Amino acid sequence: MNTIDDFQKKNVIYSIVKTKDLPFHCPPKQAQKWNMHPKVFIQFDNKGQGACPYCGSKYELS
C-alpha cells in the first residue's frame, strides 16, 4: 500500500548540480536575483540531495 509520503518522494523534481559547480547556492548564478531570496549555500546529504530552506527548490548532485 502506498502512502502520500511515498507518492511525494517518487514525484519530486530535482535540479541537477554538477560537482564541478560546488559550492552551489540558491538562487543559482543564472537566475535573475532582483525578485528572489538571499543567496543560500546548499548542503547536500549522503545521497547527494539538498533543498533550499527559503524556496524549497530541490537539488541533486550528478
PDB file of N, CA and C in Angstrom:
ATOM      1  N   MET A   1       0.847  -1.180   0.000  1.00  0.00           N
ATOM      2  CA  MET A   1       0.000   0.000   0.000  1.00  0.00           C
ATOM      3  C   MET A   1       0.896   1.248   0.000  1.00  0.00           C
ATOM      4  N   ASN A   2       0.667   2.175  -0.917  1.00  0.00           N
ATOM      5  CA  ASN A   2       1.437   3.413  -0.992  1.00  0.00           C
ATOM      6  C   ASN A   2       0.820   4.473  -0.099  1.00  0.00           C
ATOM      7  N   THR A   3       1.682   5.231   0.509  1.00  0.00           N
ATOM      8  CA  THR A   3       1.216   6.349   1.328  1.00  0.00           C
ATOM      9  C   THR A   3       1.426   7.636   0.553  1.00  0.00           C
ATOM     10  N   ILE A   4       0.915   8.722   1.079  1.00  0.00           N
ATOM     11  CA  ILE A   4       1.128  10.028   0.447  1.00  0.00           C
ATOM     12  C   ILE A   4       2.610  10.346   0.411  1.00  0.00           C
ATOM     13  N   ASP A   5       3.336  10.002   1.485  1.00  0.00           N
ATOM     14  CA  ASP A   5       4.778  10.246   1.510  1.00  0.00           C
ATOM     15  C   ASP A   5       5.476   9.527   0.372  1.00  0.00           C
ATOM     16  N   ASP A   6       5.100   8.264   0.106  1.00  0.00           N
ATOM     17  CA  ASP A   6       5.704   7.520  -0.994  1.00  0.00           C
ATOM     18  C   ASP A   6       5.427   8.217  -2.317  1.00  0.00           C
ATOM     19  N   PHE A   7       4.208   8.685  -2.507  1.00  0.00           N
ATOM     20  CA  PHE A   7       3.851   9.380  -3.743  1.00  0.00           C
ATOM     21  C   PHE A   7       4.685  10.641  -3.906  1.00  0.00           C
ATOM     22  N   GLN A   8       4.801  11.421  -2.841  1.00  0.00           N
ATOM     23  CA  GLN A   8       5.555  12.670  -2.925  1.00  0.00           C
ATOM     24  C   GLN A   8       7.027  12.408  -3.206  1.00  0.00           C
ATOM     25  N   LYS A   9       7.610  11.399  -2.589  1.00  0.00           N
ATOM     26  CA  LYS A   9       9.022  11.091  -2.808  1.00  0.00           C
ATOM     27  C   LYS A   9       9.271  10.673  -4.252  1.00  0.00           C
ATOM     28  N   LYS A  10       8.350   9.946  -4.858  1.00  0.00           N
ATOM     29  CA  LYS A  10       8.520   9.477  -6.233  1.00  0.00           C
ATOM     30  C   LYS A  10       8.330  10.594  -7.249  1.00  0.00           C
ATOM     31  N   ASN A  11       7.651  11.662  -6.884  1.00  0.00           N
ATOM     32  CA  ASN A  11       7.313  12.707  -7.830  1.00  0.00           C
ATOM     33  C   ASN A  11       8.004  14.037  -7.544  1.00  0.00           C
ATOM     34  N   VAL A  12       9.107  13.993  -6.826  1.00  0.00           N
ATOM     35  CA  VAL A  12       9.869  15.200  -6.537  1.00  0.00           C
ATOM     36  C   VAL A  12      10.804  15.459  -7.708  1.00  0.00           C
ATOM     37  N   ILE A  13      10.844  16.688  -8.174  1.00  0.00           N
ATOM     38  CA  ILE A  13      11.721  17.066  -9.275  1.00  0.00           C
ATOM     39  C   ILE A  13      12.944  17.763  -8.701  1.00  0.00           C
ATOM     40  N   TYR A  14      14.106  17.260  -9.085  1.00  0.00           N
ATOM     41  CA  TYR A  14      15.369  17.834  -8.633  1.00  0.00           C
ATOM     42  C   TYR A  14      16.043  18.539  -9.793  1.00  0.00           C
ATOM     43  N   SER A  15      16.658  19.664  -9.519  1.00  0.00           N
ATOM     44  CA  SER A  15      17.545  20.297 -10.483  1.00  0.00           C
ATOM     45  C   SER A  15      18.909  19.653 -10.290  1.00  0.00           C
ATOM     46  N   ILE A  16      19.542  19.286 -11.385  1.00  0.00           N
ATOM     47  CA  ILE A  16      20.823  18.599 -11.336  1.00  0.00           C
ATOM     48  C   ILE A  16      21.948  19.614 -11.165  1.00  0.00           C
ATOM     49  N   VAL A  17      22.850  19.314 -10.235  1.00  0.00           N
ATOM     50  CA  VAL A  17      24.014  20.148  -9.970  1.00  0.00           C
ATOM     51  C   VAL A  17      25.252  19.304 -10.227  1.00  0.00           C
ATOM     52  N   LYS A  18      26.154  19.805 -11.028  1.00  0.00           N
ATOM     53  CA  LYS A  18      27.419  19.117 -11.294  1.00  0.00           C
ATOM     54  C   LYS A  18      28.379  19.365 -10.136  1.00  0.00           C
ATOM     55  N   THR A  19      29.177  18.391  -9.789  1.00  0.00           N
ATOM     56  CA  THR A  19      30.120  18.556  -8.684  1.00  0.00           C
ATOM     57  C   THR A  19      31.140  19.654  -8.981  1.00  0.00           C
ATOM     58  N   LYS A  20      31.402  19.917 -10.267  1.00  0.00           N
ATOM     59  CA  LYS A  20      32.336  20.997 -10.622  1.00  0.00           C
ATOM     60  C   LYS A  20      31.766  22.367 -10.257  1.00  0.00           C
ATOM     61  N   ASP A  21      30.443  22.451 -10.034  1.00  0.00           N
ATOM     62  CA  ASP A  21      29.794  23.718  -9.689  1.00  0.00           C
ATOM     63  C   ASP A  21      29.731  23.978  -8.184  1.00  0.00           C
ATOM     64  N   LEU A  22      30.310  23.083  -7.389  1.00  0.00           N
ATOM     65  CA  LEU A  22      30.327  23.280  -5.942  1.00  0.00           C
ATOM     66  C   LEU A  22      31.361  24.331  -5.575  1.00  0.00           C
ATOM     67  N   PRO A  23      31.172  25.139  -4.565  1.00  0.00           N
ATOM     68  CA  PRO A  23      29.960  25.214  -3.745  1.00  0.00           C
ATOM     69  C   PRO A  23      28.800  25.812  -4.542  1.00  0.00           C
ATOM     70  N   PHE A  24      27.618  25.303  -4.297  1.00  0.00           N
ATOM     71  CA  PHE A  24      26.428  25.686  -5.047  1.00  0.00           C
ATOM     72  C   PHE A  24      25.498  26.484  -4.143  1.00  0.00           C
ATOM     73  N   HIS A  25      24.838  27.466  -4.732  1.00  0.00           N
ATOM     74  CA  HIS A  25      23.898  28.264  -3.950  1.00  0.00           C
ATOM     75  C   HIS A  25      22.582  28.448  -4.692  1.00  0.00           C
ATOM     76  N   CYS A  26      21.565  28.762  -3.928  1.00  0.00           N
ATOM     77  CA  CYS A  26      20.239  29.072  -4.444  1.00  0.00           C
ATOM     78  C   CYS A  26      19.962  30.519  -4.055  1.00  0.00           C
ATOM     79  N   PRO A  27      19.458  31.342  -4.931  1.00  0.00           N
ATOM     80  CA  PRO A  27      19.187  31.065  -6.325  1.00  0.00           C
ATOM     81  C   PRO A  27      20.483  30.842  -7.110  1.00  0.00           C
ATOM     82  N   PRO A  28      20.404  30.015  -8.167  1.00  0.00           N
ATOM     83  CA  PRO A  28      21.589  29.735  -8.982  1.00  0.00           C
ATOM     84  C   PRO A  28      22.136  30.990  -9.657  1.00  0.00           C
ATOM     85  N   LYS A  29      23.375  30.899 -10.109  1.00  0.00           N
ATOM     86  CA  LYS A  29      24.048  32.043 -10.737  1.00  0.00           C
ATOM     87  C   LYS A  29      23.248  32.626 -11.894  1.00  0.00           C
ATOM     88  N   GLN A  30      22.606  31.775 -12.698  1.00  0.00           N
ATOM     89  CA  GLN A  30      21.911  32.255 -13.899  1.00  0.00           C
ATOM     90  C   GLN A  30      20.525  32.845 -13.612  1.00  0.00           C
ATOM     91  N   ALA A  31      20.045  32.759 -12.384  1.00  0.00           N
ATOM     92  CA  ALA A  31      18.716  33.288 -12.050  1.00  0.00           C
ATOM     93  C   ALA A  31      18.761  34.814 -11.930  1.00  0.00           C
ATOM     94  N   GLN A  32      17.657  35.439 -12.307  1.00  0.00           N
ATOM     95  CA  GLN A  32      17.530  36.876 -12.085  1.00  0.00           C
ATOM     96  C   GLN A  32      17.239  37.074 -10.606  1.00  0.00           C
ATOM     97  N   LYS A  33      18.116  37.765  -9.914  1.00  0.00           N
ATOM     98  CA  LYS A  33      18.054  37.819  -8.455  1.00  0.00           C
ATOM     99  C   LYS A  33      17.231  38.973  -7.891  1.00  0.00           C
ATOM    100  N   TRP A  34      16.769  39.864  -8.715  1.00  0.00           N
ATOM    101  CA  TRP A  34      16.096  41.038  -8.180  1.00  0.00           C
ATOM    102  C   TRP A  34      14.836  40.700  -7.402  1.00  0.00           C
ATOM    103  N   ASN A  35      14.212  39.567  -7.709  1.00  0.00           N
ATOM    104  CA  ASN A  35      12.952  39.242  -7.023  1.00  0.00           C
ATOM    105  C   ASN A  35      13.051  37.936  -6.237  1.00  0.00           C
ATOM    106  N   MET A  36      14.255  37.516  -5.897  1.00  0.00           N
ATOM    107  CA  MET A  36      14.430  36.247  -5.200  1.00  0.00           C
ATOM    108  C   MET A  36      14.942  36.464  -3.786  1.00  0.00           C
ATOM    109  N   HIS A  37      15.082  35.385  -3.080  1.00  0.00           N
ATOM    110  CA  HIS A  37      15.568  35.413  -1.701  1.00  0.00           C
ATOM    111  C   HIS A  37      17.086  35.596  -1.662  1.00  0.00           C
ATOM    112  N   PRO A  38      17.645  35.829  -0.475  1.00  0.00           N
ATOM    113  CA  PRO A  38      19.108  35.964  -0.349  1.00  0.00           C
ATOM    114  C   PRO A  38      19.819  34.678  -0.775  1.00  0.00           C
ATOM    115  N   LYS A  39      21.081  34.802  -1.146  1.00  0.00           N
ATOM    116  CA  LYS A  39      21.877  33.650  -1.549  1.00  0.00           C
ATOM    117  C   LYS A  39      22.073  32.707  -0.361  1.00  0.00           C
ATOM    118  N   VAL A  40      21.764  31.428  -0.586  1.00  0.00           N
ATOM    119  CA  VAL A  40      21.913  30.407   0.438  1.00  0.00           C
ATOM    120  C   VAL A  40      22.733  29.266  -0.162  1.00  0.00           C
ATOM    121  N   PHE A  41      23.829  28.901   0.495  1.00  0.00           N
ATOM    122  CA  PHE A  41      24.619  27.771   0.020  1.00  0.00           C
ATOM    123  C   PHE A  41      23.926  26.478   0.424  1.00  0.00           C
ATOM    124  N   ILE A  42      23.789  25.585  -0.547  1.00  0.00           N
ATOM    125  CA  ILE A  42      23.054  24.334  -0.346  1.00  0.00           C
ATOM    126  C   ILE A  42      23.990  23.263   0.198  1.00  0.00           C
ATOM    127  N   GLN A  43      23.541  22.588   1.233  1.00  0.00           N
ATOM    128  CA  GLN A  43      24.275  21.450   1.765  1.00  0.00           C
ATOM    129  C   GLN A  43      23.616  20.182   1.249  1.00  0.00           C
ATOM    130  N   PHE A  44      24.434  19.264   0.777  1.00  0.00           N
ATOM    131  CA  PHE A  44      23.943  18.013   0.212  1.00  0.00           C
ATOM    132  C   PHE A  44      24.139  16.882   1.217  1.00  0.00           C
ATOM    133  N   ASP A  45      23.155  15.982   1.267  1.00  0.00           N
ATOM    134  CA  ASP A  45      23.249  14.843   2.176  1.00  0.00           C
ATOM    135  C   ASP A  45      24.089  13.735   1.545  1.00  0.00           C
ATOM    136  N   ASN A  46      24.173  12.587   2.229  1.00  0.00           N
ATOM    137  CA  ASN A  46      25.000  11.491   1.726  1.00  0.00           C
ATOM    138  C   ASN A  46      24.429  10.835   0.468  1.00  0.00           C
ATOM    139  N   LYS A  47      23.190  11.164   0.106  1.00  0.00           N
ATOM    140  CA  LYS A  47      22.608  10.682  -1.152  1.00  0.00           C
ATOM    141  C   LYS A  47      22.788  11.697  -2.274  1.00  0.00           C
ATOM    142  N   GLY A  48      23.432  12.832  -1.965  1.00  0.00           N
ATOM    143  CA  GLY A  48      23.657  13.870  -2.965  1.00  0.00           C
ATOM    144  C   GLY A  48      22.456  14.761  -3.197  1.00  0.00           C
ATOM    145  N   GLN A  49      21.551  14.827  -2.243  1.00  0.00           N
ATOM    146  CA  GLN A  49      20.358  15.641  -2.391  1.00  0.00           C
ATOM    147  C   GLN A  49      20.382  16.781  -1.382  1.00  0.00           C
ATOM    148  N   GLY A  50      19.845  17.923  -1.803  1.00  0.00           N
ATOM    149  CA  GLY A  50      19.761  19.081  -0.938  1.00  0.00           C
ATOM    150  C   GLY A  50      18.568  19.931  -1.313  1.00  0.00           C
ATOM    151  N   ALA A  51      18.150  20.802  -0.405  1.00  0.00           N
ATOM    152  CA  ALA A  51      16.995  21.663  -0.661  1.00  0.00           C
ATOM    153  C   ALA A  51      17.252  23.047  -0.083  1.00  0.00           C
ATOM    154  N   CYS A  52      16.670  24.031  -0.715  1.00  0.00           N
ATOM    155  CA  CYS A  52      16.783  25.402  -0.253  1.00  0.00           C
ATOM    156  C   CYS A  52      15.778  25.634   0.878  1.00  0.00           C
ATOM    157  N   PRO A  53      16.245  26.141   2.019  1.00  0.00           N
ATOM    158  CA  PRO A  53      15.316  26.391   3.120  1.00  0.00           C
ATOM    159  C   PRO A  53      14.376  27.571   2.863  1.00  0.00           C
ATOM    160  N   TYR A  54      14.702  28.448   1.927  1.00  0.00           N
ATOM    161  CA  TYR A  54      13.840  29.596   1.627  1.00  0.00           C
ATOM    162  C   TYR A  54      12.705  29.231   0.682  1.00  0.00           C
ATOM    163  N   CYS A  55      13.053  28.662  -0.464  1.00  0.00           N
ATOM    164  CA  CYS A  55      12.037  28.460  -1.505  1.00  0.00           C
ATOM    165  C   CYS A  55      11.654  26.996  -1.714  1.00  0.00           C
ATOM    166  N   GLY A  56      12.410  26.073  -1.112  1.00  0.00           N
ATOM    167  CA  GLY A  56      12.076  24.657  -1.235  1.00  0.00           C
ATOM    168  C   GLY A  56      12.587  23.997  -2.501  1.00  0.00           C
ATOM    169  N   SER A  57      13.333  24.726  -3.339  1.00  0.00           N
ATOM    170  CA  SER A  57      13.891  24.100  -4.537  1.00  0.00           C
ATOM    171  C   SER A  57      14.771  22.937  -4.137  1.00  0.00           C
ATOM    172  N   LYS A  58      14.682  21.853  -4.901  1.00  0.00           N
ATOM    173  CA  LYS A  58      15.434  20.649  -4.582  1.00  0.00           C
ATOM    174  C   LYS A  58      16.535  20.460  -5.610  1.00  0.00           C
ATOM    175  N   TYR A  59      17.692  20.017  -5.123  1.00  0.00           N
ATOM    176  CA  TYR A  59      18.871  19.853  -5.960  1.00  0.00           C
ATOM    177  C   TYR A  59      19.481  18.479  -5.729  1.00  0.00           C
ATOM    178  N   GLU A  60      20.103  17.948  -6.797  1.00  0.00           N
ATOM    179  CA  GLU A  60      20.754  16.648  -6.711  1.00  0.00           C
ATOM    180  C   GLU A  60      22.088  16.708  -7.427  1.00  0.00           C
ATOM    181  N   LEU A  61      23.131  16.178  -6.777  1.00  0.00           N
ATOM    182  CA  LEU A  61      24.463  16.138  -7.381  1.00  0.00           C
ATOM    183  C   LEU A  61      24.521  15.042  -8.432  1.00  0.00           C
ATOM    184  N   SER A  62      25.215  15.340  -9.513  1.00  0.00           N
ATOM    185  CA  SER A  62      25.418  14.300 -10.523  1.00  0.00           C
ATOM    186  C   SER A  62      26.886  14.153 -10.827  1.00  0.00           C
TER     187      SER A  62
END
